[in-house]
Protein backbone atom coordinates (compact mmCIF):
# COMPACT_ATOMS: atom_id res chain seq x y z
CA UNK A 1 -1.38 -25.28 -3.58
CA UNK A 2 1.83 -23.53 -2.54
CA UNK A 3 1.54 -20.04 -1.06
CA UNK A 4 3.41 -17.39 -3.03
CA UNK A 5 4.68 -14.09 -1.64
CA UNK A 6 3.48 -11.23 -3.80
CA UNK A 7 4.26 -8.14 -1.73
CA UNK A 8 6.40 -7.56 1.34
CA UNK A 9 6.73 -3.90 2.35
CA UNK A 10 8.15 -2.59 5.62
CA UNK A 11 7.36 1.08 6.32
CA UNK A 12 9.54 2.51 9.05
CA UNK A 13 7.28 5.51 9.62
CA UNK A 14 3.62 5.43 8.61
CA UNK A 15 2.75 8.92 7.41
CA UNK A 16 -0.24 10.76 8.95
CA UNK A 17 -2.54 10.76 5.91
CA UNK A 18 -1.90 7.12 5.08
CA UNK A 19 -2.48 6.19 8.73
CA UNK A 20 -5.75 8.13 8.68
CA UNK A 21 -6.82 6.46 5.43
CA UNK A 22 -6.18 3.02 6.93
CA UNK A 23 -8.37 4.02 9.88
CA UNK A 24 -11.27 4.92 7.57
CA UNK A 25 -11.24 1.57 5.80
CA UNK A 26 -9.87 -1.06 8.20
CA UNK A 27 -11.81 -3.32 10.55
CA UNK A 28 -8.96 -4.00 12.92
CA UNK A 29 -6.77 -1.97 15.26
CA UNK A 30 -6.20 1.61 14.13
CA UNK A 31 -2.62 2.78 13.55
CA UNK A 32 -1.44 6.22 14.62
CA UNK A 33 1.06 8.32 12.64
CA UNK A 34 4.71 7.37 12.58
CA UNK A 35 4.38 3.78 13.78
CA UNK A 36 6.20 1.06 11.83
CA UNK A 37 3.99 -0.89 9.45
CA UNK A 38 4.22 -4.07 7.38
CA UNK A 39 2.12 -4.94 4.33
CA UNK A 40 2.16 -8.56 3.13
CA UNK A 41 0.22 -9.80 0.10
CA UNK A 42 0.04 -13.47 -0.90
CA UNK A 43 -1.73 -15.96 -3.12
CA UNK A 44 -3.98 -17.82 -2.60
CA UNK A 45 -5.97 -15.36 -0.53
CA UNK A 46 -7.25 -17.61 2.27
CA UNK A 47 -3.70 -18.44 3.33
CA UNK A 48 -3.47 -14.95 4.83
CA UNK A 49 -5.23 -16.26 7.95
CA UNK A 50 -2.27 -18.51 8.69
CA UNK A 51 0.07 -15.52 8.45
CA UNK A 52 -1.87 -13.30 10.84
CA UNK A 53 -1.97 -16.21 13.28
CA UNK A 54 1.82 -16.58 13.16
CA UNK A 55 2.42 -12.83 13.54
CA UNK A 56 0.07 -12.45 16.52
CA UNK A 57 1.33 -15.54 18.35
CA UNK A 58 5.00 -14.62 18.05
CA UNK A 59 4.98 -10.80 18.37
CA UNK A 60 3.05 -7.89 19.87
CA UNK A 61 2.01 -6.28 16.57
CA UNK A 62 -1.49 -4.93 15.98
CA UNK A 63 -3.38 -5.88 12.80
CA UNK A 64 -5.33 -3.17 11.00
CA UNK A 65 -6.21 -4.74 7.68
CA UNK A 66 -7.04 -8.33 6.73
CA UNK A 67 -8.45 -8.74 3.23
CA UNK A 68 -9.32 -11.91 1.35
CA UNK A 69 -10.46 -11.02 -2.13
CA UNK A 70 -10.91 -12.84 -5.40
CA UNK A 71 -7.36 -14.12 -5.83
CA UNK A 72 -5.10 -12.60 -3.19
CA UNK A 73 -4.86 -11.97 0.54
CA UNK A 74 -3.54 -8.82 2.24
CA UNK A 75 -2.37 -8.24 5.81
CA UNK A 76 -1.21 -5.03 7.49
CA UNK A 77 0.31 -5.04 10.99
CA UNK A 78 1.90 -2.20 12.91
CA UNK A 79 3.55 -1.28 16.20
CA UNK A 80 5.42 1.67 17.69
CA UNK A 81 8.40 -0.65 18.16
CA UNK A 82 10.02 -1.24 14.77
CA UNK A 83 11.63 -4.39 16.13
CA UNK A 84 8.24 -5.98 16.78
CA UNK A 85 7.16 -5.31 13.21
CA UNK A 86 10.40 -6.65 11.77
CA UNK A 87 10.05 -9.76 13.95
CA UNK A 88 6.51 -10.26 12.67
CA UNK A 89 7.84 -10.08 9.14
CA UNK A 90 10.56 -12.59 9.87
CA UNK A 91 8.01 -14.97 11.41
CA UNK A 92 5.81 -14.68 8.34
CA UNK A 93 8.70 -15.30 5.94
CA UNK A 94 9.82 -18.30 7.99
CA UNK A 95 6.29 -19.71 7.98
CA UNK A 96 6.15 -19.39 4.19
CA UNK A 97 9.67 -20.77 3.77
CA UNK A 98 10.76 -17.78 1.67
CA UNK A 99 12.97 -14.69 1.85
CA UNK A 100 12.21 -11.06 1.07
CA UNK A 101 13.77 -11.53 -2.36
CA UNK A 102 11.03 -14.03 -3.23
CA UNK A 103 8.50 -11.21 -3.37
CA UNK A 104 7.40 -9.90 -6.76
CA UNK A 105 8.95 -6.66 -7.99
CA UNK A 106 6.33 -3.95 -8.54
CA UNK A 107 5.25 -3.25 -12.08
CA UNK A 108 4.21 0.33 -12.78
CA UNK A 109 1.03 -0.14 -14.80
CA UNK A 110 0.12 3.53 -15.14
CA UNK A 111 1.57 6.83 -13.98
CA UNK A 112 -0.36 9.97 -14.89
CA UNK A 113 -0.58 13.60 -13.79
CA UNK A 114 -3.66 15.59 -14.77
CA UNK A 115 -3.06 19.34 -14.53
CA UNK A 116 -5.76 21.77 -13.39
CA UNK A 117 -8.50 19.19 -12.91
CA UNK A 118 -11.96 20.20 -14.12
CA UNK A 119 -14.71 20.83 -11.52
CA UNK A 120 -16.98 17.99 -12.63
CA UNK A 121 -14.08 15.53 -12.63
CA UNK A 122 -13.14 16.67 -9.11
CA UNK A 123 -16.72 16.21 -7.88
CA UNK A 124 -16.85 12.62 -9.14
CA UNK A 125 -13.63 11.77 -7.32
CA UNK A 126 -14.84 13.46 -4.15
CA UNK A 127 -17.90 11.22 -4.12
CA UNK A 128 -15.90 7.99 -4.19
CA UNK A 129 -12.77 8.80 -2.15
CA UNK A 130 -11.96 7.69 1.41
CA UNK A 131 -9.27 10.34 1.95
CA UNK A 132 -9.12 14.09 1.41
CA UNK A 133 -11.17 15.95 -1.17
CA UNK A 134 -9.64 17.28 -4.37
CA UNK A 135 -10.48 20.84 -5.35
CA UNK A 136 -11.03 22.01 -8.94
CA UNK A 137 -7.87 23.44 -10.44
CA UNK A 138 -5.49 21.25 -8.46
CA UNK A 139 -3.22 18.71 -10.11
CA UNK A 140 -4.10 15.03 -9.77
CA UNK A 141 -1.53 12.23 -9.63
CA UNK A 142 -2.80 8.74 -10.50
CA UNK A 143 -0.68 5.62 -10.10
CA UNK A 144 -1.51 1.98 -10.73
CA UNK A 145 0.78 -0.88 -9.75
CA UNK A 146 0.93 -4.67 -9.65
CA UNK A 147 1.02 -6.34 -7.14
CA UNK A 148 -1.53 -4.13 -5.42
CA UNK A 149 -0.04 -3.66 -1.94
CA UNK A 150 2.87 -1.66 -3.33
CA UNK A 151 0.40 1.23 -3.64
CA UNK A 152 0.83 1.68 0.12
CA UNK A 153 4.59 2.14 -0.32
CA UNK A 154 4.02 4.64 -3.11
CA UNK A 155 1.53 6.61 -0.99
CA UNK A 156 3.79 6.68 2.05
CA UNK A 157 6.89 7.84 0.18
CA UNK A 158 4.96 10.45 -1.81
CA UNK A 159 3.53 11.88 1.41
CA UNK A 160 7.01 12.04 2.92
CA UNK A 161 8.36 13.94 -0.07
CA UNK A 162 5.74 16.59 -0.76
CA UNK A 163 2.91 18.70 0.62
CA UNK A 164 0.06 16.83 -1.07
CA UNK A 165 -3.34 15.42 -0.15
CA UNK A 166 -4.04 11.69 -0.18
CA UNK A 167 -7.34 11.30 -2.01
CA UNK A 168 -7.52 7.51 -2.06
CA UNK A 169 -5.38 4.39 -2.08
CA UNK A 170 -6.39 0.79 -2.75
CA UNK A 171 -3.65 -1.69 -1.76
CA UNK A 172 -5.50 -4.92 -2.57
CA UNK A 173 -6.96 -6.67 -5.60
CA UNK A 174 -5.46 -7.33 -9.01
CA UNK A 175 -3.94 -3.83 -9.14
CA UNK A 176 -3.15 -1.22 -6.51
CA UNK A 177 -4.28 2.34 -7.14
CA UNK A 178 -3.23 5.70 -5.71
CA UNK A 179 -4.78 9.16 -6.10
CA UNK A 180 -3.07 12.30 -4.78
CA UNK A 181 -3.76 16.00 -5.28
CA UNK A 182 -1.95 19.28 -4.76
CA UNK A 183 -0.20 22.11 -6.50
CA UNK A 184 1.60 21.38 -9.73
CA UNK A 185 5.11 21.49 -8.25
CA UNK A 186 4.23 19.45 -5.16
CA UNK A 187 2.46 16.79 -7.21
CA UNK A 188 5.50 16.51 -9.47
CA UNK A 189 7.67 15.88 -6.40
CA UNK A 190 5.21 13.37 -4.94
CA UNK A 191 4.93 11.47 -8.21
CA UNK A 192 8.70 11.23 -8.57
CA UNK A 193 9.08 9.96 -5.00
CA UNK A 194 6.37 7.33 -5.51
CA UNK A 195 7.87 6.06 -8.76
CA UNK A 196 11.40 6.01 -7.31
CA UNK A 197 10.20 4.00 -4.31
CA UNK A 198 8.65 1.36 -6.54
CA UNK A 199 11.70 1.15 -8.77
CA UNK A 200 13.94 0.58 -5.75
CA UNK A 201 12.09 -2.57 -4.65
CA UNK A 202 13.97 -5.78 -5.38
CA UNK A 203 12.48 -9.20 -5.99
CA UNK A 204 11.32 -11.50 -8.75
CA UNK A 205 10.04 -10.28 -12.09
CA UNK A 206 6.23 -10.31 -12.28
CA UNK A 207 4.47 -12.79 -14.52
CA UNK A 208 1.96 -11.47 -17.08
CA UNK A 209 -1.38 -10.73 -15.42
CA UNK A 210 -4.14 -13.28 -15.98
CA UNK A 211 -7.63 -12.67 -14.63
CA UNK A 212 -8.59 -15.65 -12.46
């Protein structure tokens, strides 16, 4: 079965909250803020082991996240030297025999802002999050995208653009999900930055989702 490139995202500066969130959930080498980072998502999932092998043998990048789930595989690597991360990406693309433009364009599945969140709703989210806590009365931004790893791009660009709190982000699986909280005006700015970042990604049109 041929390996298909689903997501390819280079982040030139990993923002502090996203870096911290990766540290709470990863099993690899922790990133620090402002390093360069690369997220690659492929199908089938087990093929991700071949990609991490290529990246580590040819460059000095550090892997934080390696996920093999039901249908897809996800890899995150990072380094303070942007050139090392770009070289890792080039090695991965060469190994797959593809270019960046062979990745799938992100599809915005849902994009919602909930104003003045209710206390009981906030408490439920606080129980399940891996990031910051949301306080009652704050605005909540929820984004869902396909392929999943583009949620990392959305989170990073939203954090760059506004003074918001990263509640949770899931960049693997059938769909990627992002939760952010803050004041009404800051959440509006963060949401716009996240959506704009996804719309700017080039690649192939996504096929209709089919549960495998």
